[in-house]
Amino acid sequence: MSDKSAAAYWSANLRVITICMVIWAVVSFGFGIVLRPLISWIPIGGTDLGFWFAQQGSILTFIVLIFYYTWYMNRLDKEFGVDEQ
């Protein structure tokens, strides 16, 4: 892998990591703590939406992000020719 290709691969890797971390922070900290008073009027599963995000939503979002990250990195690895064949 050339230096230019390695830099592009690393840049794409950092971009997807940053996007995933921002989504997780917004869901867990934002919806569960900061925005909870604004979304507490929405009922879900017998409780308000803010509580749901704090207890289960952030965990489910994290699991979805893990699967997305693995899918994206497998695709990126194939694109740059560094996949495990």
N, C-alpha and C. Protein backbone atom coordinates (compact mmCIF):
# COMPACT_ATOMS: atom_id res chain seq x y z
N MET A 1 0.86 -1.17 0.00
CA MET A 1 0.00 0.00 0.00
C MET A 1 0.91 1.23 0.00
N SER A 2 0.66 2.14 -0.91
CA SER A 2 1.46 3.36 -0.98
C SER A 2 1.11 4.30 0.16
N ASP A 3 1.97 5.29 0.37
CA ASP A 3 1.73 6.25 1.45
C ASP A 3 0.44 7.03 1.23
N LYS A 4 0.16 7.37 -0.03
CA LYS A 4 -1.07 8.11 -0.34
C LYS A 4 -2.30 7.24 -0.07
N SER A 5 -2.22 5.99 -0.47
CA SER A 5 -3.32 5.06 -0.25
C SER A 5 -3.51 4.78 1.24
N ALA A 6 -2.42 4.63 1.97
CA ALA A 6 -2.51 4.40 3.41
C ALA A 6 -3.12 5.60 4.12
N ALA A 7 -2.76 6.80 3.68
CA ALA A 7 -3.33 8.01 4.29
C ALA A 7 -4.83 8.11 4.01
N ALA A 8 -5.24 7.76 2.78
CA ALA A 8 -6.67 7.79 2.44
C ALA A 8 -7.44 6.74 3.25
N TYR A 9 -6.84 5.56 3.41
CA TYR A 9 -7.48 4.50 4.20
C TYR A 9 -7.64 4.94 5.65
N TRP A 10 -6.59 5.50 6.22
CA TRP A 10 -6.64 5.95 7.61
C TRP A 10 -7.63 7.09 7.78
N SER A 11 -7.69 7.99 6.80
CA SER A 11 -8.64 9.10 6.86
C SER A 11 -10.07 8.59 6.84
N ALA A 12 -10.36 7.63 5.98
CA ALA A 12 -11.70 7.05 5.92
C ALA A 12 -12.04 6.31 7.22
N ASN A 13 -11.05 5.64 7.78
CA ASN A 13 -11.24 4.93 9.05
C ASN A 13 -11.57 5.92 10.18
N LEU A 14 -10.81 6.99 10.27
CA LEU A 14 -11.07 7.99 11.31
C LEU A 14 -12.41 8.67 11.12
N ARG A 15 -12.81 8.89 9.87
CA ARG A 15 -14.09 9.52 9.60
C ARG A 15 -15.24 8.65 10.10
N VAL A 16 -15.21 7.34 9.82
CA VAL A 16 -16.30 6.48 10.26
C VAL A 16 -16.29 6.32 11.78
N ILE A 17 -15.12 6.28 12.39
CA ILE A 17 -15.04 6.21 13.86
C ILE A 17 -15.66 7.46 14.48
N THR A 18 -15.32 8.63 13.92
CA THR A 18 -15.85 9.89 14.44
C THR A 18 -17.37 9.94 14.30
N ILE A 19 -17.87 9.54 13.14
CA ILE A 19 -19.32 9.54 12.93
C ILE A 19 -20.02 8.62 13.92
N CYS A 20 -19.49 7.41 14.10
CA CYS A 20 -20.10 6.47 15.04
C CYS A 20 -20.06 6.99 16.48
N MET A 21 -18.96 7.58 16.88
CA MET A 21 -18.84 8.11 18.24
C MET A 21 -19.78 9.29 18.47
N VAL A 22 -19.95 10.14 17.47
CA VAL A 22 -20.87 11.28 17.60
C VAL A 22 -22.30 10.78 17.72
N ILE A 23 -22.67 9.81 16.89
CA ILE A 23 -24.03 9.25 16.97
C ILE A 23 -24.26 8.64 18.35
N TRP A 24 -23.30 7.87 18.83
CA TRP A 24 -23.45 7.23 20.13
C TRP A 24 -23.54 8.27 21.25
N ALA A 25 -22.73 9.33 21.18
CA ALA A 25 -22.77 10.38 22.21
C ALA A 25 -24.11 11.11 22.19
N VAL A 26 -24.61 11.42 21.01
CA VAL A 26 -25.89 12.12 20.92
C VAL A 26 -27.01 11.25 21.48
N VAL A 27 -27.00 9.97 21.14
CA VAL A 27 -28.07 9.08 21.62
C VAL A 27 -27.96 8.85 23.12
N SER A 28 -26.78 8.52 23.61
CA SER A 28 -26.66 8.17 25.02
C SER A 28 -26.68 9.40 25.93
N PHE A 29 -25.85 10.38 25.63
CA PHE A 29 -25.77 11.56 26.49
C PHE A 29 -26.86 12.57 26.14
N GLY A 30 -27.04 12.81 24.85
CA GLY A 30 -28.01 13.81 24.42
C GLY A 30 -29.43 13.43 24.73
N PHE A 31 -29.89 12.30 24.16
CA PHE A 31 -31.28 11.89 24.35
C PHE A 31 -31.54 11.38 25.76
N GLY A 32 -30.57 10.72 26.36
CA GLY A 32 -30.78 10.13 27.68
C GLY A 32 -30.68 11.12 28.83
N ILE A 33 -29.90 12.20 28.67
CA ILE A 33 -29.68 13.13 29.77
C ILE A 33 -30.08 14.55 29.42
N VAL A 34 -29.44 15.12 28.41
CA VAL A 34 -29.63 16.54 28.10
C VAL A 34 -31.02 16.83 27.54
N LEU A 35 -31.47 16.05 26.57
CA LEU A 35 -32.75 16.30 25.92
C LEU A 35 -33.91 15.53 26.54
N ARG A 36 -33.67 14.86 27.64
CA ARG A 36 -34.74 14.06 28.25
C ARG A 36 -35.98 14.88 28.60
N PRO A 37 -35.85 16.08 29.17
CA PRO A 37 -37.07 16.84 29.45
C PRO A 37 -37.88 17.19 28.20
N LEU A 38 -37.21 17.35 27.07
CA LEU A 38 -37.91 17.70 25.83
C LEU A 38 -38.64 16.51 25.21
N ILE A 39 -38.17 15.30 25.46
CA ILE A 39 -38.79 14.13 24.84
C ILE A 39 -39.52 13.24 25.86
N SER A 40 -39.68 13.73 27.08
CA SER A 40 -40.31 12.91 28.12
C SER A 40 -41.81 12.73 27.91
N TRP A 41 -42.42 13.52 27.05
CA TRP A 41 -43.85 13.40 26.81
C TRP A 41 -44.19 12.27 25.83
N ILE A 42 -43.18 11.67 25.21
CA ILE A 42 -43.41 10.60 24.25
C ILE A 42 -43.34 9.25 24.98
N PRO A 43 -44.48 8.54 25.07
CA PRO A 43 -44.45 7.25 25.77
C PRO A 43 -43.92 6.12 24.88
N ILE A 44 -43.11 5.25 25.48
CA ILE A 44 -42.62 4.07 24.78
C ILE A 44 -42.38 2.97 25.82
N GLY A 45 -43.00 1.84 25.63
CA GLY A 45 -42.80 0.70 26.53
C GLY A 45 -43.18 0.97 27.97
N GLY A 46 -44.18 1.79 28.23
CA GLY A 46 -44.62 2.06 29.59
C GLY A 46 -43.83 3.14 30.30
N THR A 47 -42.92 3.77 29.64
CA THR A 47 -42.13 4.85 30.25
C THR A 47 -41.91 5.95 29.21
N ASP A 48 -41.20 6.99 29.59
CA ASP A 48 -40.98 8.06 28.62
C ASP A 48 -39.77 7.76 27.73
N LEU A 49 -39.71 8.42 26.59
CA LEU A 49 -38.67 8.15 25.60
C LEU A 49 -37.28 8.47 26.12
N GLY A 50 -37.12 9.51 26.92
CA GLY A 50 -35.82 9.86 27.48
C GLY A 50 -35.27 8.75 28.38
N PHE A 51 -36.12 8.20 29.23
CA PHE A 51 -35.70 7.09 30.10
C PHE A 51 -35.35 5.87 29.26
N TRP A 52 -36.15 5.60 28.21
CA TRP A 52 -35.88 4.46 27.35
C TRP A 52 -34.51 4.59 26.69
N PHE A 53 -34.19 5.78 26.17
CA PHE A 53 -32.88 5.99 25.56
C PHE A 53 -31.76 5.80 26.58
N ALA A 54 -31.97 6.28 27.79
CA ALA A 54 -30.93 6.15 28.82
C ALA A 54 -30.72 4.69 29.21
N GLN A 55 -31.78 3.89 29.21
CA GLN A 55 -31.67 2.51 29.68
C GLN A 55 -31.41 1.50 28.57
N GLN A 56 -32.11 1.62 27.45
CA GLN A 56 -31.97 0.61 26.40
C GLN A 56 -31.58 1.18 25.06
N GLY A 57 -32.02 2.36 24.76
CA GLY A 57 -31.77 2.94 23.44
C GLY A 57 -30.31 3.13 23.12
N SER A 58 -29.55 3.58 24.10
CA SER A 58 -28.12 3.79 23.84
C SER A 58 -27.39 2.46 23.65
N ILE A 59 -27.81 1.42 24.36
CA ILE A 59 -27.19 0.11 24.20
C ILE A 59 -27.52 -0.48 22.83
N LEU A 60 -28.79 -0.40 22.43
CA LEU A 60 -29.18 -0.91 21.12
C LEU A 60 -28.51 -0.12 20.00
N THR A 61 -28.41 1.18 20.17
CA THR A 61 -27.71 2.00 19.17
C THR A 61 -26.25 1.61 19.08
N PHE A 62 -25.61 1.34 20.21
CA PHE A 62 -24.21 0.92 20.22
C PHE A 62 -24.04 -0.40 19.47
N ILE A 63 -24.95 -1.34 19.67
CA ILE A 63 -24.88 -2.63 18.98
C ILE A 63 -25.04 -2.43 17.48
N VAL A 64 -26.00 -1.60 17.07
CA VAL A 64 -26.18 -1.31 15.64
C VAL A 64 -24.93 -0.66 15.07
N LEU A 65 -24.32 0.26 15.81
CA LEU A 65 -23.10 0.92 15.34
C LEU A 65 -21.94 -0.07 15.19
N ILE A 66 -21.87 -1.05 16.06
CA ILE A 66 -20.82 -2.07 15.94
C ILE A 66 -20.98 -2.85 14.63
N PHE A 67 -22.22 -3.28 14.32
CA PHE A 67 -22.46 -4.00 13.08
C PHE A 67 -22.20 -3.11 11.87
N TYR A 68 -22.61 -1.85 11.94
CA TYR A 68 -22.35 -0.92 10.83
C TYR A 68 -20.85 -0.73 10.63
N TYR A 69 -20.12 -0.56 11.71
CA TYR A 69 -18.67 -0.35 11.61
C TYR A 69 -17.98 -1.56 10.99
N THR A 70 -18.36 -2.76 11.39
CA THR A 70 -17.73 -3.94 10.81
C THR A 70 -18.07 -4.08 9.32
N TRP A 71 -19.32 -3.80 8.95
CA TRP A 71 -19.71 -3.85 7.55
C TRP A 71 -18.92 -2.82 6.74
N TYR A 72 -18.86 -1.60 7.27
CA TYR A 72 -18.17 -0.52 6.55
C TYR A 72 -16.68 -0.82 6.43
N MET A 73 -16.05 -1.29 7.48
CA MET A 73 -14.61 -1.56 7.44
C MET A 73 -14.30 -2.74 6.52
N ASN A 74 -15.15 -3.75 6.45
CA ASN A 74 -14.94 -4.84 5.49
C ASN A 74 -15.00 -4.32 4.06
N ARG A 75 -15.96 -3.43 3.81
CA ARG A 75 -16.07 -2.82 2.48
C ARG A 75 -14.85 -1.95 2.18
N LEU A 76 -14.41 -1.17 3.16
CA LEU A 76 -13.24 -0.31 2.99
C LEU A 76 -11.97 -1.13 2.79
N ASP A 77 -11.84 -2.22 3.53
CA ASP A 77 -10.68 -3.11 3.36
C ASP A 77 -10.62 -3.67 1.95
N LYS A 78 -11.77 -4.09 1.41
CA LYS A 78 -11.79 -4.61 0.04
C LYS A 78 -11.44 -3.53 -0.96
N GLU A 79 -11.93 -2.32 -0.71
CA GLU A 79 -11.66 -1.20 -1.62
C GLU A 79 -10.17 -0.88 -1.69
N PHE A 80 -9.48 -0.96 -0.56
CA PHE A 80 -8.06 -0.64 -0.51
C PHE A 80 -7.16 -1.88 -0.65
N GLY A 81 -7.76 -3.05 -0.80
CA GLY A 81 -6.99 -4.26 -1.02
C GLY A 81 -6.26 -4.78 0.21
N VAL A 82 -6.81 -4.53 1.38
CA VAL A 82 -6.17 -5.03 2.62
C VAL A 82 -7.09 -5.98 3.37
N ASP A 83 -8.06 -6.55 2.64
CA ASP A 83 -9.01 -7.46 3.30
C ASP A 83 -8.38 -8.82 3.55
N GLU A 84 -8.98 -9.55 4.48
CA GLU A 84 -8.53 -10.91 4.81
C GLU A 84 -9.30 -11.88 3.94
N GLN A 85 -8.68 -12.34 2.91
CA GLN A 85 -9.39 -13.17 1.92
C GLN A 85 -9.62 -14.53 2.40
